[in-house]
C-alpha atoms as a PDB file:
ATOM      1  CA  PHE A   1      86.897 153.564 163.484  1.00  0.00           C
ATOM      2  CA  ALA A   2      84.467 156.461 163.672  1.00  0.00           C
ATOM      3  CA  GLY A   3      82.601 155.079 160.665  1.00  0.00           C
ATOM      4  CA  VAL A   4      81.077 152.340 162.804  1.00  0.00           C
ATOM      5  CA  GLY A   5      80.528 154.562 165.820  1.00  0.00           C
ATOM      6  CA  TYR A   6      83.650 154.196 167.935  1.00  0.00           C
ATOM      7  CA  GLN A   7      84.688 157.244 169.939  1.00  0.00           C
ATOM      8  CA  VAL A   8      88.093 158.243 168.564  1.00  0.00           C
ATOM      9  CA  THR A   9      90.678 160.568 170.083  1.00  0.00           C
ATOM     10  CA  ILE A  10      93.479 161.923 167.886  1.00  0.00           C
ATOM     11  CA  TYR A  11      96.671 162.650 169.825  1.00  0.00           C
ATOM     12  CA  ASP A  12      99.774 164.629 168.946  1.00  0.00           C
ATOM     13  CA  ILE A  13     102.326 166.484 171.038  1.00  0.00           C
ATOM     14  CA  ILE A  14     101.686 169.662 169.020  1.00  0.00           C
ATOM     15  CA  PRO A  15      98.224 171.187 169.599  1.00  0.00           C
ATOM     16  CA  ASP A  16      98.178 172.916 166.198  1.00  0.00           C
ATOM     17  CA  ILE A  17      98.678 169.573 164.468  1.00  0.00           C
ATOM     18  CA  VAL A  18      95.676 168.126 166.310  1.00  0.00           C
ATOM     19  CA  GLU A  19      93.538 171.110 165.350  1.00  0.00           C
ATOM     20  CA  LYS A  20      94.634 170.888 161.717  1.00  0.00           C
ATOM     21  CA  ALA A  21      93.955 167.137 161.639  1.00  0.00           C
ATOM     22  CA  LEU A  22      90.409 167.648 162.910  1.00  0.00           C
ATOM     23  CA  LYS A  23      89.693 170.378 160.356  1.00  0.00           C
ATOM     24  CA  GLU A  24      91.067 168.312 157.480  1.00  0.00           C
ATOM     25  CA  THR A  25      89.196 165.225 158.642  1.00  0.00           C
ATOM     26  CA  LYS A  26      85.899 167.132 158.581  1.00  0.00           C
ATOM     27  CA  LEU A  27      86.606 168.473 155.090  1.00  0.00           C
ATOM     28  CA  GLU A  28      87.565 165.009 153.823  1.00  0.00           C
ATOM     29  CA  LEU A  29      84.514 163.322 155.344  1.00  0.00           C
ATOM     30  CA  ASP A  30      82.194 165.913 153.799  1.00  0.00           C
ATOM     31  CA  SER A  31      83.924 165.611 150.415  1.00  0.00           C
ATOM     32  CA  ILE A  32      83.831 161.807 150.422  1.00  0.00           C
ATOM     33  CA  GLU A  33      80.153 161.848 151.408  1.00  0.00           C
ATOM     34  CA  LYS A  34      79.276 164.199 148.531  1.00  0.00           C
ATOM     35  CA  GLN A  35      81.015 161.799 146.146  1.00  0.00           C
ATOM     36  CA  GLY A  36      78.992 158.879 147.521  1.00  0.00           C
ATOM     37  CA  LEU A  37      82.154 157.143 148.707  1.00  0.00           C
ATOM     38  CA  LEU A  38      81.782 157.404 152.483  1.00  0.00           C
ATOM     39  CA  ARG A  39      82.590 154.193 154.363  1.00  0.00           C
ATOM     40  CA  GLY A  40      80.845 153.042 157.518  1.00  0.00           C
ATOM     41  CA  ASN A  41      77.220 153.072 158.617  1.00  0.00           C
ATOM     42  CA  LEU A  42      77.064 156.695 159.847  1.00  0.00           C
ATOM     43  CA  ASN A  43      76.870 159.899 157.838  1.00  0.00           C
ATOM     44  CA  ALA A  44      79.781 162.360 157.741  1.00  0.00           C
ATOM     45  CA  ALA A  45      78.431 164.594 160.501  1.00  0.00           C
ATOM     46  CA  GLU A  46      77.773 161.600 162.766  1.00  0.00           C
ATOM     47  CA  GLN A  47      81.244 160.235 162.130  1.00  0.00           C
ATOM     48  CA  PHE A  48      82.937 163.538 162.832  1.00  0.00           C
ATOM     49  CA  ALA A  49      80.969 163.843 166.076  1.00  0.00           C
ATOM     50  CA  CYS A  50      82.743 160.662 167.206  1.00  0.00           C
ATOM     51  CA  ILE A  51      86.200 162.242 166.770  1.00  0.00           C
ATOM     52  CA  SER A  52      87.979 164.507 169.226  1.00  0.00           C
ATOM     53  CA  GLY A  53      91.582 165.568 169.742  1.00  0.00           C
ATOM     54  CA  THR A  54      94.084 166.216 172.508  1.00  0.00           C
ATOM     55  CA  ASP A  55      97.748 166.908 173.155  1.00  0.00           C
ATOM     56  CA  ASN A  56      97.589 165.046 176.477  1.00  0.00           C
ATOM     57  CA  LEU A  57      98.589 161.396 176.158  1.00  0.00           C
ATOM     58  CA  LYS A  58      96.825 160.311 179.344  1.00  0.00           C
ATOM     59  CA  ASP A  59      93.553 161.862 178.188  1.00  0.00           C
ATOM     60  CA  ALA A  60      93.944 160.157 174.804  1.00  0.00           C
ATOM     61  CA  ILE A  61      94.407 156.582 175.988  1.00  0.00           C
ATOM     62  CA  THR A  62      92.789 156.289 179.405  1.00  0.00           C
ATOM     63  CA  GLY A  63      90.035 153.692 179.092  1.00  0.00           C
ATOM     64  CA  ALA A  64      90.764 153.034 175.408  1.00  0.00           C
ATOM     65  CA  ILE A  65      90.149 149.533 174.066  1.00  0.00           C
ATOM     66  CA  TYR A  66      92.587 150.082 171.192  1.00  0.00           C
ATOM     67  CA  VAL A  67      95.527 152.365 170.411  1.00  0.00           C
ATOM     68  CA  GLN A  68      96.841 152.814 166.845  1.00  0.00           C
ATOM     69  CA  GLU A  69     100.325 154.322 167.131  1.00  0.00           C
ATOM     70  CA  CYS A  70     101.515 156.277 164.097  1.00  0.00           C
ATOM     71  CA  VAL A  71     104.642 158.132 165.238  1.00  0.00           C
ATOM     72  CA  PRO A  72     107.610 158.498 162.834  1.00  0.00           C
ATOM     73  CA  GLU A  73     109.630 155.434 161.898  1.00  0.00           C
ATOM     74  CA  ARG A  74     112.387 156.000 164.424  1.00  0.00           C
ATOM     75  CA  LEU A  75     112.981 153.304 166.984  1.00  0.00           C
ATOM     76  CA  ASP A  76     114.073 155.742 169.696  1.00  0.00           C
ATOM     77  CA  ILE A  77     110.821 157.702 169.377  1.00  0.00           C
ATOM     78  CA  LYS A  78     108.735 154.542 169.485  1.00  0.00           C
ATOM     79  CA  LYS A  79     110.536 153.202 172.553  1.00  0.00           C
ATOM     80  CA  LYS A  80     110.070 156.506 174.376  1.00  0.00           C
ATOM     81  CA  LEU A  81     106.358 156.632 173.546  1.00  0.00           C
ATOM     82  CA  TYR A  82     105.687 153.013 174.505  1.00  0.00           C
ATOM     83  CA  THR A  83     107.461 153.560 177.822  1.00  0.00           C
ATOM     84  CA  GLU A  84     105.046 156.421 178.511  1.00  0.00           C
ATOM     85  CA  VAL A  85     102.032 154.428 177.314  1.00  0.00           C
ATOM     86  CA  ASP A  86     103.050 151.460 179.473  1.00  0.00           C
ATOM     87  CA  GLY A  87     102.517 153.519 182.603  1.00  0.00           C
ATOM     88  CA  LEU A  88      99.078 154.733 181.563  1.00  0.00           C
ATOM     89  CA  VAL A  89      97.148 151.759 180.169  1.00  0.00           C
ATOM     90  CA  GLY A  90      95.461 148.863 181.884  1.00  0.00           C
ATOM     91  CA  PRO A  91      95.211 145.198 180.871  1.00  0.00           C
ATOM     92  CA  ASN A  92      92.348 145.639 178.378  1.00  0.00           C
ATOM     93  CA  THR A  93      93.955 147.953 175.808  1.00  0.00           C
ATOM     94  CA  ILE A  94      95.390 146.607 172.551  1.00  0.00           C
ATOM     95  CA  LEU A  95      98.573 148.518 171.690  1.00  0.00           C
ATOM     96  CA  ALA A  96      98.995 148.407 167.917  1.00  0.00           C
ATOM     97  CA  SER A  97     101.744 150.033 165.866  1.00  0.00           C
ATOM     98  CA  SER A  98     101.378 151.199 162.270  1.00  0.00           C
ATOM     99  CA  THR A  99     105.081 150.540 161.656  1.00  0.00           C
ATOM    100  CA  SER A 100     106.111 149.068 158.322  1.00  0.00           C
ATOM    101  CA  THR A 101     109.751 148.803 159.415  1.00  0.00           C
ATOM    102  CA  PHE A 102     110.147 147.496 162.946  1.00  0.00           C
ATOM    103  CA  MET A 103     109.211 144.135 164.405  1.00  0.00           C
ATOM    104  CA  PRO A 104     107.100 144.642 167.556  1.00  0.00           C
ATOM    105  CA  SER A 105     109.682 142.992 169.805  1.00  0.00           C
ATOM    106  CA  LEU A 106     112.105 145.852 169.132  1.00  0.00           C
ATOM    107  CA  PHE A 107     110.048 148.406 171.068  1.00  0.00           C
ATOM    108  CA  SER A 108     108.041 146.271 173.527  1.00  0.00           C
ATOM    109  CA  GLU A 109     110.502 143.881 175.181  1.00  0.00           C
ATOM    110  CA  ASP A 110     110.913 145.839 178.416  1.00  0.00           C
ATOM    111  CA  MET A 111     107.245 146.793 178.827  1.00  0.00           C
ATOM    112  CA  LYS A 112     104.998 145.673 181.674  1.00  0.00           C
ATOM    113  CA  HIS A 113     102.113 145.396 179.175  1.00  0.00           C
ATOM    114  CA  ARG A 114     104.161 143.840 176.385  1.00  0.00           C
ATOM    115  CA  ALA A 115     101.688 140.971 175.980  1.00  0.00           C
ATOM    116  CA  GLN A 116      99.236 143.556 174.570  1.00  0.00           C
ATOM    117  CA  VAL A 117     101.601 144.922 171.892  1.00  0.00           C
ATOM    118  CA  LEU A 118     101.398 144.007 168.211  1.00  0.00           C
ATOM    119  CA  VAL A 119     101.769 145.555 164.782  1.00  0.00           C
ATOM    120  CA  ALA A 120      98.659 146.456 162.775  1.00  0.00           C
ATOM    121  CA  HIS A 121     100.349 147.641 159.584  1.00  0.00           C
ATOM    122  CA  PRO A 122      97.948 149.454 157.211  1.00  0.00           C
ATOM    123  CA  VAL A 123      98.621 150.045 153.518  1.00  0.00           C
ATOM    124  CA  ASN A 124      98.816 153.572 152.143  1.00  0.00           C
ATOM    125  CA  PRO A 125      96.250 155.037 151.615  1.00  0.00           C
ATOM    126  CA  PRO A 126      94.359 152.883 154.138  1.00  0.00           C
ATOM    127  CA  TYR A 127      90.934 154.429 153.480  1.00  0.00           C
ATOM    128  CA  TYR A 128      91.080 152.994 149.954  1.00  0.00           C
ATOM    129  CA  VAL A 129      93.385 149.971 150.397  1.00  0.00           C
ATOM    130  CA  PRO A 130      91.907 147.805 153.158  1.00  0.00           C
ATOM    131  CA  LEU A 131      94.718 145.338 153.930  1.00  0.00           C
ATOM    132  CA  VAL A 132      96.080 145.330 157.488  1.00  0.00           C
ATOM    133  CA  GLU A 133      98.957 143.048 158.519  1.00  0.00           C
ATOM    134  CA  ILE A 134      98.634 141.929 162.137  1.00  0.00           C
ATOM    135  CA  VAL A 135     102.011 140.862 163.521  1.00  0.00           C
ATOM    136  CA  PRO A 136     102.521 139.588 167.079  1.00  0.00           C
ATOM    137  CA  ALA A 137     105.705 139.849 169.120  1.00  0.00           C
ATOM    138  CA  PRO A 138     106.951 136.569 170.651  1.00  0.00           C
ATOM    139  CA  TRP A 139     105.173 137.504 173.894  1.00  0.00           C
ATOM    140  CA  THR A 140     101.922 138.894 172.466  1.00  0.00           C
ATOM    141  CA  LYS A 141      98.986 136.970 173.889  1.00  0.00           C
ATOM    142  CA  SER A 142      96.743 135.399 171.265  1.00  0.00           C
ATOM    143  CA  GLU A 143      93.579 137.031 172.610  1.00  0.00           C
ATOM    144  CA  TYR A 144      94.913 140.492 171.741  1.00  0.00           C
ATOM    145  CA  THR A 145      95.880 139.380 168.238  1.00  0.00           C
ATOM    146  CA  ALA A 146      92.451 137.826 167.733  1.00  0.00           C
ATOM    147  CA  LYS A 147      90.655 140.916 169.059  1.00  0.00           C
ATOM    148  CA  ALA A 148      92.691 143.226 166.805  1.00  0.00           C
ATOM    149  CA  ARG A 149      91.746 141.122 163.787  1.00  0.00           C
ATOM    150  CA  GLU A 150      88.092 141.155 164.826  1.00  0.00           C
ATOM    151  CA  LEU A 151      88.182 144.936 165.222  1.00  0.00           C
ATOM    152  CA  MET A 152      89.807 145.467 161.824  1.00  0.00           C
ATOM    153  CA  THR A 153      87.145 143.321 160.192  1.00  0.00           C
ATOM    154  CA  GLU A 154      84.398 145.244 161.981  1.00  0.00           C
ATOM    155  CA  ILE A 155      85.593 148.619 160.629  1.00  0.00           C
ATOM    156  CA  GLY A 156      85.836 147.296 157.071  1.00  0.00           C
ATOM    157  CA  GLN A 157      89.548 146.551 156.696  1.00  0.00           C
ATOM    158  CA  LYS A 158      90.892 143.204 155.427  1.00  0.00           C
ATOM    159  CA  PRO A 159      93.268 141.787 158.045  1.00  0.00           C
ATOM    160  CA  VAL A 160      95.807 139.003 157.676  1.00  0.00           C
ATOM    161  CA  THR A 161      97.556 137.564 160.720  1.00  0.00           C
ATOM    162  CA  LEU A 162     101.179 136.456 160.624  1.00  0.00           C
ATOM    163  CA  SER A 163     101.968 133.486 162.855  1.00  0.00           C
ATOM    164  CA  ARG A 164     105.151 135.220 164.056  1.00  0.00           C
ATOM    165  CA  GLN A 165     107.129 138.389 163.467  1.00  0.00           C
ATOM    166  CA  ILE A 166     109.515 138.548 160.521  1.00  0.00           C
ATOM    167  CA  GLU A 167     111.467 141.438 159.011  1.00  0.00           C
ATOM    168  CA  GLY A 168     109.341 143.334 156.473  1.00  0.00           C
ATOM    169  CA  PHE A 169     106.205 141.350 157.418  1.00  0.00           C
ATOM    170  CA  ALA A 170     104.503 139.978 154.266  1.00  0.00           C
ATOM    171  CA  LEU A 171     103.538 142.916 152.063  1.00  0.00           C
ATOM    172  CA  ASN A 172     106.928 144.592 152.083  1.00  0.00           C
ATOM    173  CA  ARG A 173     108.813 141.337 151.554  1.00  0.00           C
ATOM    174  CA  ILE A 174     106.747 140.765 148.397  1.00  0.00           C
ATOM    175  CA  GLN A 175     106.959 144.433 147.409  1.00  0.00           C
ATOM    176  CA  TYR A 176     110.740 144.488 147.895  1.00  0.00           C
ATOM    177  CA  ALA A 177     111.157 141.383 145.731  1.00  0.00           C
ATOM    178  CA  ILE A 178     109.319 143.207 142.921  1.00  0.00           C
ATOM    179  CA  LEU A 179     111.273 146.452 143.452  1.00  0.00           C
ATOM    180  CA  ASN A 180     114.592 144.601 143.490  1.00  0.00           C
ATOM    181  CA  GLU A 181     113.945 142.910 140.155  1.00  0.00           C
ATOM    182  CA  THR A 182     112.631 146.081 138.515  1.00  0.00           C
ATOM    183  CA  TRP A 183     115.779 147.857 139.744  1.00  0.00           C
ATOM    184  CA  ARG A 184     117.986 145.177 138.188  1.00  0.00           C
ATOM    185  CA  LEU A 185     116.109 145.470 134.878  1.00  0.00           C
ATOM    186  CA  VAL A 186     116.758 149.224 134.801  1.00  0.00           C
ATOM    187  CA  ALA A 187     120.391 148.848 135.889  1.00  0.00           C
ATOM    188  CA  ASP A 188     120.985 146.240 133.168  1.00  0.00           C
ATOM    189  CA  GLY A 189     119.343 148.416 130.525  1.00  0.00           C
ATOM    190  CA  ILE A 190     116.613 145.879 129.778  1.00  0.00           C
ATOM    191  CA  LEU A 191     113.611 148.197 130.170  1.00  0.00           C
ATOM    192  CA  SER A 192     112.885 151.863 130.814  1.00  0.00           C
ATOM    193  CA  VAL A 193     111.185 152.929 134.039  1.00  0.00           C
ATOM    194  CA  LYS A 194     107.993 153.712 132.129  1.00  0.00           C
ATOM    195  CA  ASP A 195     107.876 150.309 130.442  1.00  0.00           C
ATOM    196  CA  ILE A 196     108.576 148.477 133.702  1.00  0.00           C
ATOM    197  CA  ASP A 197     105.595 150.201 135.294  1.00  0.00           C
ATOM    198  CA  VAL A 198     103.479 149.215 132.271  1.00  0.00           C
ATOM    199  CA  VAL A 199     104.415 145.574 132.916  1.00  0.00           C
ATOM    200  CA  MET A 200     102.758 145.919 136.320  1.00  0.00           C
ATOM    201  CA  SER A 201      99.876 148.332 135.625  1.00  0.00           C
ATOM    202  CA  GLU A 202      98.778 146.667 132.368  1.00  0.00           C
ATOM    203  CA  GLY A 203      99.842 143.120 133.157  1.00  0.00           C
ATOM    204  CA  LEU A 204     100.501 141.619 136.586  1.00  0.00           C
ATOM    205  CA  GLY A 205      98.659 144.361 138.444  1.00  0.00           C
ATOM    206  CA  MET A 206      95.410 143.766 136.584  1.00  0.00           C
ATOM    207  CA  ARG A 207      95.395 140.133 137.688  1.00  0.00           C
ATOM    208  CA  TYR A 208      96.669 140.789 141.190  1.00  0.00           C
ATOM    209  CA  ALA A 209      93.948 143.361 141.861  1.00  0.00           C
ATOM    210  CA  PHE A 210      91.516 140.431 142.093  1.00  0.00           C
ATOM    211  CA  LEU A 211      93.649 137.312 142.623  1.00  0.00           C
ATOM    212  CA  GLY A 212      96.860 136.645 144.521  1.00  0.00           C
ATOM    213  CA  PRO A 213      99.906 135.119 142.796  1.00  0.00           C
ATOM    214  CA  LEU A 214      99.211 131.635 144.105  1.00  0.00           C
ATOM    215  CA  GLU A 215      95.597 131.473 142.937  1.00  0.00           C
ATOM    216  CA  THR A 216      96.728 133.012 139.637  1.00  0.00           C
ATOM    217  CA  ALA A 217      99.125 130.102 139.218  1.00  0.00           C
ATOM    218  CA  HIS A 218      96.412 127.646 140.278  1.00  0.00           C
ATOM    219  CA  LEU A 219      94.142 128.987 137.503  1.00  0.00           C
ATOM    220  CA  ASN A 220      96.908 129.119 134.890  1.00  0.00           C
ATOM    221  CA  ALA A 221      97.157 125.333 134.894  1.00  0.00           C
ATOM    222  CA  GLU A 222      94.977 122.451 135.956  1.00  0.00           C
ATOM    223  CA  GLY A 223      95.571 123.244 139.593  1.00  0.00           C
ATOM    224  CA  MET A 224      98.712 124.100 141.532  1.00  0.00           C
ATOM    225  CA  LEU A 225     100.355 120.695 141.349  1.00  0.00           C
ATOM    226  CA  ASN A 226      99.978 120.717 137.579  1.00  0.00           C
ATOM    227  CA  TYR A 227     101.439 124.241 137.507  1.00  0.00           C
ATOM    228  CA  CYS A 228     104.448 123.044 139.517  1.00  0.00           C
ATOM    229  CA  ASP A 229     104.936 120.078 137.198  1.00  0.00           C
ATOM    230  CA  ARG A 230     104.877 122.374 134.165  1.00  0.00           C
ATOM    231  CA  TYR A 231     106.859 125.359 135.354  1.00  0.00           C
ATOM    232  CA  CYS A 232     108.952 124.622 138.456  1.00  0.00           C
ATOM    233  CA  ASN A 233     112.167 124.018 136.478  1.00  0.00           C
ATOM    234  CA  THR A 234     111.717 127.160 134.382  1.00  0.00           C
ATOM    235  CA  ILE A 235     110.887 129.323 137.393  1.00  0.00           C
ATOM    236  CA  HIS A 236     113.906 128.013 139.284  1.00  0.00           C
ATOM    237  CA  ALA A 237     116.245 128.490 136.315  1.00  0.00           C
ATOM    238  CA  VAL A 238     115.115 132.083 135.647  1.00  0.00           C
ATOM    239  CA  SER A 239     115.274 132.914 139.354  1.00  0.00           C
ATOM    240  CA  GLN A 240     118.917 131.816 139.441  1.00  0.00           C
ATOM    241  CA  THR A 241     119.749 134.600 136.942  1.00  0.00           C
ATOM    242  CA  MET A 242     118.303 137.438 139.007  1.00  0.00           C
ATOM    243  CA  GLY A 243     121.556 138.385 140.683  1.00  0.00           C
ATOM    244  CA  PRO A 244     122.357 139.905 144.069  1.00  0.00           C
ATOM    245  CA  THR A 245     120.062 142.251 145.960  1.00  0.00           C
ATOM    246  CA  PRO A 246     120.731 145.797 144.685  1.00  0.00           C
ATOM    247  CA  ARG A 247     121.203 148.914 146.775  1.00  0.00           C
ATOM    248  CA  MET A 248     118.925 151.715 145.646  1.00  0.00           C
ATOM    249  CA  GLU A 249     121.533 154.451 145.404  1.00  0.00           C
ATOM    250  CA  GLY A 250     124.063 156.051 143.084  1.00  0.00           C
ATOM    251  CA  LYS A 251     123.722 156.509 139.326  1.00  0.00           C
ATOM    252  CA  VAL A 252     120.867 154.039 138.923  1.00  0.00           C
ATOM    253  CA  ALA A 253     118.851 155.868 141.578  1.00  0.00           C
ATOM    254  CA  GLU A 254     119.492 159.142 139.761  1.00  0.00           C
ATOM    255  CA  GLN A 255     118.386 157.610 136.453  1.00  0.00           C
ATOM    256  CA  VAL A 256     115.214 156.112 137.920  1.00  0.00           C
ATOM    257  CA  ALA A 257     114.364 159.421 139.589  1.00  0.00           C
ATOM    258  CA  LYS A 258     114.992 161.330 136.351  1.00  0.00           C
ATOM    259  CA  GLU A 259     112.677 159.090 134.335  1.00  0.00           C
ATOM    260  CA  LEU A 260     109.982 159.179 137.023  1.00  0.00           C
ATOM    261  CA  GLU A 261     110.096 162.962 137.204  1.00  0.00           C
ATOM    262  CA  GLU A 262     109.626 163.084 133.440  1.00  0.00           C
ATOM    263  CA  MET A 263     106.500 160.961 133.932  1.00  0.00           C
ATOM    264  CA  VAL A 264     105.265 162.791 137.050  1.00  0.00           C
ATOM    265  CA  PRO A 265     107.039 166.073 137.923  1.00  0.00           C
ATOM    266  CA  ILE A 266     107.554 166.681 141.635  1.00  0.00           C
ATOM    267  CA  ASP A 267     105.073 169.558 141.665  1.00  0.00           C
ATOM    268  CA  LYS A 268     102.431 167.245 140.179  1.00  0.00           C
ATOM    269  CA  LEU A 269     102.708 164.580 142.905  1.00  0.00           C
ATOM    270  CA  PRO A 270      99.649 165.780 144.891  1.00  0.00           C
ATOM    271  CA  GLU A 271      97.559 165.743 141.718  1.00  0.00           C
ATOM    272  CA  ARG A 272      98.784 162.261 140.825  1.00  0.00           C
ATOM    273  CA  ARG A 273      98.085 160.984 144.351  1.00  0.00           C
ATOM    274  CA  ALA A 274      94.523 162.285 144.093  1.00  0.00           C
ATOM    275  CA  TRP A 275      94.159 160.448 140.769  1.00  0.00           C
ATOM    276  CA  ARG A 276      95.546 157.280 142.385  1.00  0.00           C
ATOM    277  CA  ASP A 277      93.071 157.527 145.262  1.00  0.00           C
ATOM    278  CA  ALA A 278      90.169 158.038 142.856  1.00  0.00           C
ATOM    279  CA  CYS A 279      91.229 154.943 140.891  1.00  0.00           C
ATOM    280  CA  LEU A 280      91.580 152.884 144.067  1.00  0.00           C
ATOM    281  CA  THR A 281      88.118 153.991 145.181  1.00  0.00           C
ATOM    282  CA  LYS A 282      86.577 152.889 141.896  1.00  0.00           C
ATOM    283  CA  LEU A 283      88.456 149.605 142.057  1.00  0.00           C
ATOM    284  CA  ALA A 284      87.196 148.991 145.592  1.00  0.00           C
ATOM    285  CA  GLN A 285      83.642 149.673 144.459  1.00  0.00           C
ATOM    286  CA  LEU A 286      84.064 147.311 141.510  1.00  0.00           C
ATOM    287  CA  LYS A 287      85.394 144.533 143.731  1.00  0.00           C
ATOM    288  CA  LYS A 288      82.556 145.050 146.184  1.00  0.00           C
ATOM    289  CA  ASN A 289      79.949 144.762 143.428  1.00  0.00           C
ATOM    290  CA  ILE A 290      81.385 141.666 141.734  1.00  0.00           C
END
């Protein structure tokens, strides 16, 4: 938001957290600028000048055009916060949640300003992965959904708008389908964890970084109808063998964790995340230049 000049206020109930966030944000902006990877149309110093912090909720949201809520994924915490926010905002503020778990109706039903509430679900890490899922509650007015999408586009994200709320939204429903089948392949002893990840990183993932699954199918035949004619029976037959939805627990969970920790030890996770972010940055630059 600051990258295009919006005045941004970071809020947390713990003052030390706010102070730490501001310090880390300045360091990150300076580092990204030195690497030539800074987003937005302002330099790092100009962007940081747009950002302030507070531990007072009223000060944070009074007069705001947009609120991006990022509290922990606990419904009781969200309900408590939105009750407080409801008494402080006017009719012009979009109230957007970062939740990846809860449909917006679950924490907005009893609000006076519930027509302004929606989900704007970013993808981790959002600075490098631009998708945002915009999900309305049944009572969200369309003008707030449209304005949220417009705002996300303005700051350089890539929004998609769901026509209605649904459990898991879109990204996680697709992601869970992939995770469920990879889990079954490990549980059935078909592939190791390392080889399953190779299937994605060196196969499907390389295509899906540029094309979605439907356009991929469209290109893999003479159009989508031809693809359906060729493969619908095979796809249906294979899908029937995939079995029930697994629970990610017990001995299989222990085995998956063991193999992953052999690939990336727990103490190496920060280093691996930094490598991931660097790769995502380069991919984003490549896509931009194509």
